[in-house]
Amino acid sequence: GVDALKLFRADRPDLVLLDANLPGLDGFSTCEGLKNLAAPDVVPVIMVTALNDDTSVDMAFAAGAEEYVAKPINWAVLRHRIRLILERQKTLDSLQKSEGRLRSVTDSTADAMISVDSSGTINFWNKGAERVFGYSEEDIIGKPITLLVPKELQRDHEDAFAQAVEAGALRFPEQSIESL
């Protein structure tokens, strides 16, 4: 386990296969250590071990393992799980890059861009919204959109928002409602 942590620091792999039964530092503690070293990156861990009891499985997932493969190893199953995890990781990496580009574009506009879920809770806030409304992203995410609506307009806003939800306008991310 200690050697695995040293190797991980020196050469960050795309995926880790880890046994629970290791000398010194057990695989569960090693998995937790790997997850702490990798943060905020995601490095998937597959626990491959002879331990096949519920407690060991629960401990592996609690420690951060993505998958659990019991010995004796079915090599076709292990290959398939590795392939799926690496494909998912590649997709997540691509999504993060795309989100970064989108964030860059939305933050470069002077316009306020705000996104809410169907309950009216703010889940996206750009720099333009920060300039217009004076709230930082950290202060406003998770708050109700009504916080931004003047008291005298709140009833009209609530009615319009309810109509938009009922009409399905808020169901799909590619659809939006603009309000001035």
C-alpha atoms as a PDB file:
ATOM      1  CA  GLY A   1       0.000   0.000   0.000  1.00  0.00           C
ATOM      2  CA  VAL A   2       2.771   2.414   0.906  1.00  0.00           C
ATOM      3  CA  ASP A   3       4.632   1.568  -2.316  1.00  0.00           C
ATOM      4  CA  ALA A   4       1.421   2.063  -4.321  1.00  0.00           C
ATOM      5  CA  LEU A   5       1.026   5.581  -2.913  1.00  0.00           C
ATOM      6  CA  LYS A   6       4.657   6.386  -3.769  1.00  0.00           C
ATOM      7  CA  LEU A   7       4.231   5.089  -7.326  1.00  0.00           C
ATOM      8  CA  PHE A   8       0.991   7.037  -7.692  1.00  0.00           C
ATOM      9  CA  ARG A   9       2.695  10.295  -6.688  1.00  0.00           C
ATOM     10  CA  ALA A  10       5.531   9.696  -9.166  1.00  0.00           C
ATOM     11  CA  ASP A  11       3.473   8.580 -12.174  1.00  0.00           C
ATOM     12  CA  ARG A  12      -0.253   9.284 -12.031  1.00  0.00           C
ATOM     13  CA  PRO A  13      -1.967   6.377 -13.851  1.00  0.00           C
ATOM     14  CA  ASP A  14      -5.299   6.457 -15.697  1.00  0.00           C
ATOM     15  CA  LEU A  15      -6.649   3.584 -13.579  1.00  0.00           C
ATOM     16  CA  VAL A  16      -5.556   1.564 -10.528  1.00  0.00           C
ATOM     17  CA  LEU A  17      -6.087  -2.153  -9.905  1.00  0.00           C
ATOM     18  CA  LEU A  18      -5.763  -2.720  -6.170  1.00  0.00           C
ATOM     19  CA  ASP A  19      -5.948  -5.748  -3.888  1.00  0.00           C
ATOM     20  CA  ALA A  20      -7.474  -5.369  -0.421  1.00  0.00           C
ATOM     21  CA  ASN A  21      -4.853  -7.692   1.084  1.00  0.00           C
ATOM     22  CA  LEU A  22      -1.615  -5.726   1.047  1.00  0.00           C
ATOM     23  CA  PRO A  23       1.319  -5.825   3.452  1.00  0.00           C
ATOM     24  CA  GLY A  24       1.496  -2.870   5.802  1.00  0.00           C
ATOM     25  CA  LEU A  25      -1.213  -0.510   4.579  1.00  0.00           C
ATOM     26  CA  ASP A  26      -4.299  -2.477   3.510  1.00  0.00           C
ATOM     27  CA  GLY A  27      -6.033  -1.893   0.169  1.00  0.00           C
ATOM     28  CA  PHE A  28      -8.968   0.000   1.683  1.00  0.00           C
ATOM     29  CA  SER A  29      -6.703   2.572   3.351  1.00  0.00           C
ATOM     30  CA  THR A  30      -4.562   2.714   0.216  1.00  0.00           C
ATOM     31  CA  CYS A  31      -7.664   3.434  -1.880  1.00  0.00           C
ATOM     32  CA  GLU A  32      -8.599   6.316   0.441  1.00  0.00           C
ATOM     33  CA  GLY A  33      -5.040   7.622   0.196  1.00  0.00           C
ATOM     34  CA  LEU A  34      -5.124   7.445  -3.606  1.00  0.00           C
ATOM     35  CA  LYS A  35      -8.388   9.353  -3.701  1.00  0.00           C
ATOM     36  CA  ASN A  36      -6.932  12.050  -1.431  1.00  0.00           C
ATOM     37  CA  LEU A  37      -3.802  12.348  -3.587  1.00  0.00           C
ATOM     38  CA  ALA A  38      -5.850  12.519  -6.785  1.00  0.00           C
ATOM     39  CA  ALA A  39      -8.290  15.202  -5.623  1.00  0.00           C
ATOM     40  CA  PRO A  40      -9.781  17.036  -7.429  1.00  0.00           C
ATOM     41  CA  ASP A  41      -8.935  14.710 -10.350  1.00  0.00           C
ATOM     42  CA  VAL A  42     -10.736  11.419 -10.642  1.00  0.00           C
ATOM     43  CA  VAL A  43      -8.544   8.334 -10.885  1.00  0.00           C
ATOM     44  CA  PRO A  44     -10.716   5.212 -10.910  1.00  0.00           C
ATOM     45  CA  VAL A  45      -9.794   2.313  -8.647  1.00  0.00           C
ATOM     46  CA  ILE A  46     -10.882  -1.283  -9.224  1.00  0.00           C
ATOM     47  CA  MET A  47     -10.552  -3.445  -6.139  1.00  0.00           C
ATOM     48  CA  VAL A  48      -9.459  -6.944  -7.239  1.00  0.00           C
ATOM     49  CA  THR A  49      -9.364  -9.268  -4.251  1.00  0.00           C
ATOM     50  CA  ALA A  50     -10.136 -12.670  -2.796  1.00  0.00           C
ATOM     51  CA  LEU A  51     -12.320 -11.023  -0.139  1.00  0.00           C
ATOM     52  CA  ASN A  52     -15.887 -11.530  -1.260  1.00  0.00           C
ATOM     53  CA  ASP A  53     -17.947 -10.760   1.841  1.00  0.00           C
ATOM     54  CA  ASP A  54     -20.450  -7.914   2.074  1.00  0.00           C
ATOM     55  CA  THR A  55     -18.375  -5.995   4.615  1.00  0.00           C
ATOM     56  CA  SER A  56     -15.301  -5.968   2.358  1.00  0.00           C
ATOM     57  CA  VAL A  57     -17.349  -4.906  -0.661  1.00  0.00           C
ATOM     58  CA  ASP A  58     -18.952  -2.086   1.358  1.00  0.00           C
ATOM     59  CA  MET A  59     -15.551  -1.000   2.693  1.00  0.00           C
ATOM     60  CA  ALA A  60     -14.080  -0.884  -0.820  1.00  0.00           C
ATOM     61  CA  PHE A  61     -16.839   1.343  -2.160  1.00  0.00           C
ATOM     62  CA  ALA A  62     -16.754   3.528   0.964  1.00  0.00           C
ATOM     63  CA  ALA A  63     -12.995   3.963   0.394  1.00  0.00           C
ATOM     64  CA  GLY A  64     -13.698   5.210  -3.140  1.00  0.00           C
ATOM     65  CA  ALA A  65     -13.361   2.139  -5.377  1.00  0.00           C
ATOM     66  CA  GLU A  66     -15.260   2.375  -8.676  1.00  0.00           C
ATOM     67  CA  GLU A  67     -15.580  -1.379  -9.117  1.00  0.00           C
ATOM     68  CA  TYR A  68     -15.064  -4.584  -7.171  1.00  0.00           C
ATOM     69  CA  VAL A  69     -13.862  -7.803  -8.803  1.00  0.00           C
ATOM     70  CA  ALA A  70     -13.609 -10.967  -6.718  1.00  0.00           C
ATOM     71  CA  LYS A  71     -10.922 -13.583  -7.282  1.00  0.00           C
ATOM     72  CA  PRO A  72     -10.642 -15.906  -9.062  1.00  0.00           C
ATOM     73  CA  ILE A  73     -10.658 -13.287 -11.777  1.00  0.00           C
ATOM     74  CA  ASN A  74     -12.878 -13.665 -14.793  1.00  0.00           C
ATOM     75  CA  TRP A  75     -10.509 -11.915 -17.221  1.00  0.00           C
ATOM     76  CA  ALA A  76     -13.203 -11.125 -19.786  1.00  0.00           C
ATOM     77  CA  VAL A  77     -15.271  -9.358 -17.102  1.00  0.00           C
ATOM     78  CA  LEU A  78     -12.235  -7.432 -15.810  1.00  0.00           C
ATOM     79  CA  ARG A  79     -11.230  -6.321 -19.337  1.00  0.00           C
ATOM     80  CA  HIS A  80     -14.800  -5.168 -20.003  1.00  0.00           C
ATOM     81  CA  ARG A  81     -14.975  -3.183 -16.749  1.00  0.00           C
ATOM     82  CA  ILE A  82     -11.591  -1.565 -17.416  1.00  0.00           C
ATOM     83  CA  ARG A  83     -12.651  -0.582 -20.933  1.00  0.00           C
ATOM     84  CA  LEU A  84     -15.956   0.891 -19.696  1.00  0.00           C
ATOM     85  CA  ILE A  85     -14.283   2.833 -16.893  1.00  0.00           C
ATOM     86  CA  LEU A  86     -11.622   4.270 -19.219  1.00  0.00           C
ATOM     87  CA  GLU A  87     -14.275   5.230 -21.799  1.00  0.00           C
ATOM     88  CA  ARG A  88     -16.349   6.905 -19.080  1.00  0.00           C
ATOM     89  CA  GLN A  89     -13.245   8.715 -17.821  1.00  0.00           C
ATOM     90  CA  LYS A  90     -12.465   9.958 -21.326  1.00  0.00           C
ATOM     91  CA  THR A  91     -16.058  11.195 -21.695  1.00  0.00           C
ATOM     92  CA  LEU A  92     -15.911  12.965 -18.322  1.00  0.00           C
ATOM     93  CA  ASP A  93     -12.621  14.634 -19.239  1.00  0.00           C
ATOM     94  CA  SER A  94     -14.111  15.823 -22.533  1.00  0.00           C
ATOM     95  CA  LEU A  95     -17.204  17.121 -20.734  1.00  0.00           C
ATOM     96  CA  GLN A  96     -15.064  19.030 -18.214  1.00  0.00           C
ATOM     97  CA  LYS A  97     -13.085  20.671 -21.036  1.00  0.00           C
ATOM     98  CA  SER A  98     -16.321  21.567 -22.813  1.00  0.00           C
ATOM     99  CA  GLU A  99     -17.777  23.026 -19.609  1.00  0.00           C
ATOM    100  CA  GLY A 100     -14.582  25.035 -19.152  1.00  0.00           C
ATOM    101  CA  ARG A 101     -14.903  26.491 -22.650  1.00  0.00           C
ATOM    102  CA  LEU A 102     -18.582  27.275 -22.071  1.00  0.00           C
ATOM    103  CA  ARG A 103     -17.745  28.942 -18.750  1.00  0.00           C
ATOM    104  CA  SER A 104     -15.094  31.033 -20.479  1.00  0.00           C
ATOM    105  CA  VAL A 105     -17.583  32.187 -23.114  1.00  0.00           C
ATOM    106  CA  THR A 106     -20.388  32.937 -20.662  1.00  0.00           C
ATOM    107  CA  ASP A 107     -18.061  34.798 -18.319  1.00  0.00           C
ATOM    108  CA  SER A 108     -16.719  36.983 -21.124  1.00  0.00           C
ATOM    109  CA  THR A 109     -20.137  38.444 -21.933  1.00  0.00           C
ATOM    110  CA  ALA A 110     -21.406  41.529 -20.133  1.00  0.00           C
ATOM    111  CA  ASP A 111     -24.921  40.054 -20.141  1.00  0.00           C
ATOM    112  CA  ALA A 112     -26.255  38.391 -17.021  1.00  0.00           C
ATOM    113  CA  MET A 113     -26.769  34.671 -17.643  1.00  0.00           C
ATOM    114  CA  ILE A 114     -28.621  32.722 -14.982  1.00  0.00           C
ATOM    115  CA  SER A 115     -29.976  29.199 -15.044  1.00  0.00           C
ATOM    116  CA  VAL A 116     -32.558  27.743 -12.675  1.00  0.00           C
ATOM    117  CA  ASP A 117     -34.053  24.315 -12.188  1.00  0.00           C
ATOM    118  CA  SER A 118     -37.777  23.555 -12.321  1.00  0.00           C
ATOM    119  CA  SER A 119     -38.192  24.581  -8.673  1.00  0.00           C
ATOM    120  CA  GLY A 120     -36.701  28.017  -9.359  1.00  0.00           C
ATOM    121  CA  THR A 121     -33.354  27.331  -7.670  1.00  0.00           C
ATOM    122  CA  ILE A 122     -30.342  29.024  -9.266  1.00  0.00           C
ATOM    123  CA  ASN A 123     -27.794  26.518 -10.597  1.00  0.00           C
ATOM    124  CA  PHE A 124     -25.726  28.690 -12.955  1.00  0.00           C
ATOM    125  CA  TRP A 125     -24.475  32.257 -12.557  1.00  0.00           C
ATOM    126  CA  ASN A 126     -21.965  34.028 -14.784  1.00  0.00           C
ATOM    127  CA  LYS A 127     -19.703  37.053 -14.227  1.00  0.00           C
ATOM    128  CA  GLY A 128     -22.227  39.291 -16.022  1.00  0.00           C
ATOM    129  CA  ALA A 129     -24.881  38.311 -13.472  1.00  0.00           C
ATOM    130  CA  GLU A 130     -22.368  39.069 -10.743  1.00  0.00           C
ATOM    131  CA  ARG A 131     -21.864  42.586 -12.165  1.00  0.00           C
ATOM    132  CA  VAL A 132     -25.593  43.236 -12.696  1.00  0.00           C
ATOM    133  CA  PHE A 133     -26.926  41.866  -9.404  1.00  0.00           C
ATOM    134  CA  GLY A 134     -23.923  42.185  -7.096  1.00  0.00           C
ATOM    135  CA  TYR A 135     -23.987  38.604  -5.786  1.00  0.00           C
ATOM    136  CA  SER A 136     -21.009  36.287  -6.187  1.00  0.00           C
ATOM    137  CA  GLU A 137     -21.558  32.834  -7.633  1.00  0.00           C
ATOM    138  CA  GLU A 138     -20.752  31.284  -4.236  1.00  0.00           C
ATOM    139  CA  ASP A 139     -23.404  33.456  -2.558  1.00  0.00           C
ATOM    140  CA  ILE A 140     -26.222  32.797  -5.032  1.00  0.00           C
ATOM    141  CA  ILE A 141     -25.995  29.187  -6.287  1.00  0.00           C
ATOM    142  CA  GLY A 142     -28.682  27.121  -4.572  1.00  0.00           C
ATOM    143  CA  LYS A 143     -30.810  30.167  -3.746  1.00  0.00           C
ATOM    144  CA  PRO A 144     -34.290  30.847  -5.180  1.00  0.00           C
ATOM    145  CA  ILE A 145     -34.492  33.063  -8.263  1.00  0.00           C
ATOM    146  CA  THR A 146     -37.163  35.106  -6.469  1.00  0.00           C
ATOM    147  CA  LEU A 147     -34.322  36.623  -4.459  1.00  0.00           C
ATOM    148  CA  LEU A 148     -33.579  38.719  -7.566  1.00  0.00           C
ATOM    149  CA  VAL A 149     -37.160  39.744  -8.321  1.00  0.00           C
ATOM    150  CA  PRO A 150     -38.471  43.017  -6.858  1.00  0.00           C
ATOM    151  CA  LYS A 151     -41.266  42.469  -4.323  1.00  0.00           C
ATOM    152  CA  GLU A 152     -43.872  44.218  -6.492  1.00  0.00           C
ATOM    153  CA  LEU A 153     -43.108  41.825  -9.392  1.00  0.00           C
ATOM    154  CA  GLN A 154     -42.814  38.563  -7.473  1.00  0.00           C
ATOM    155  CA  ARG A 155     -46.428  37.464  -8.032  1.00  0.00           C
ATOM    156  CA  ASP A 156     -46.138  38.040 -11.796  1.00  0.00           C
ATOM    157  CA  HIS A 157     -42.812  36.203 -11.811  1.00  0.00           C
ATOM    158  CA  GLU A 158     -44.228  33.225  -9.910  1.00  0.00           C
ATOM    159  CA  ASP A 159     -47.184  32.986 -12.324  1.00  0.00           C
ATOM    160  CA  ALA A 160     -44.929  33.197 -15.400  1.00  0.00           C
ATOM    161  CA  PHE A 161     -42.495  30.674 -13.966  1.00  0.00           C
ATOM    162  CA  ALA A 162     -45.300  28.221 -13.122  1.00  0.00           C
ATOM    163  CA  GLN A 163     -46.644  28.572 -16.678  1.00  0.00           C
ATOM    164  CA  ALA A 164     -43.175  27.905 -18.126  1.00  0.00           C
ATOM    165  CA  VAL A 165     -42.771  24.770 -16.002  1.00  0.00           C
ATOM    166  CA  GLU A 166     -46.270  23.583 -16.927  1.00  0.00           C
ATOM    167  CA  ALA A 167     -45.614  24.191 -20.632  1.00  0.00           C
ATOM    168  CA  GLY A 168     -42.413  22.161 -20.406  1.00  0.00           C
ATOM    169  CA  ALA A 169     -40.137  25.049 -21.307  1.00  0.00           C
ATOM    170  CA  LEU A 170     -37.770  24.221 -18.440  1.00  0.00           C
ATOM    171  CA  ARG A 171     -37.441  20.500 -19.111  1.00  0.00           C
ATOM    172  CA  PHE A 172     -34.690  20.600 -21.701  1.00  0.00           C
ATOM    173  CA  PRO A 173     -31.308  22.312 -21.234  1.00  0.00           C
ATOM    174  CA  GLU A 174     -31.244  23.507 -24.858  1.00  0.00           C
ATOM    175  CA  GLN A 175     -34.413  25.541 -24.302  1.00  0.00           C
ATOM    176  CA  SER A 176     -34.336  28.779 -22.428  1.00  0.00           C
ATOM    177  CA  ILE A 177     -36.575  31.592 -21.353  1.00  0.00           C
ATOM    178  CA  GLU A 178     -35.265  35.112 -21.611  1.00  0.00           C
ATOM    179  CA  SER A 179     -36.447  37.758 -19.256  1.00  0.00           C
ATOM    180  CA  LEU A 180     -35.518  41.427 -19.130  1.00  0.00           C
END
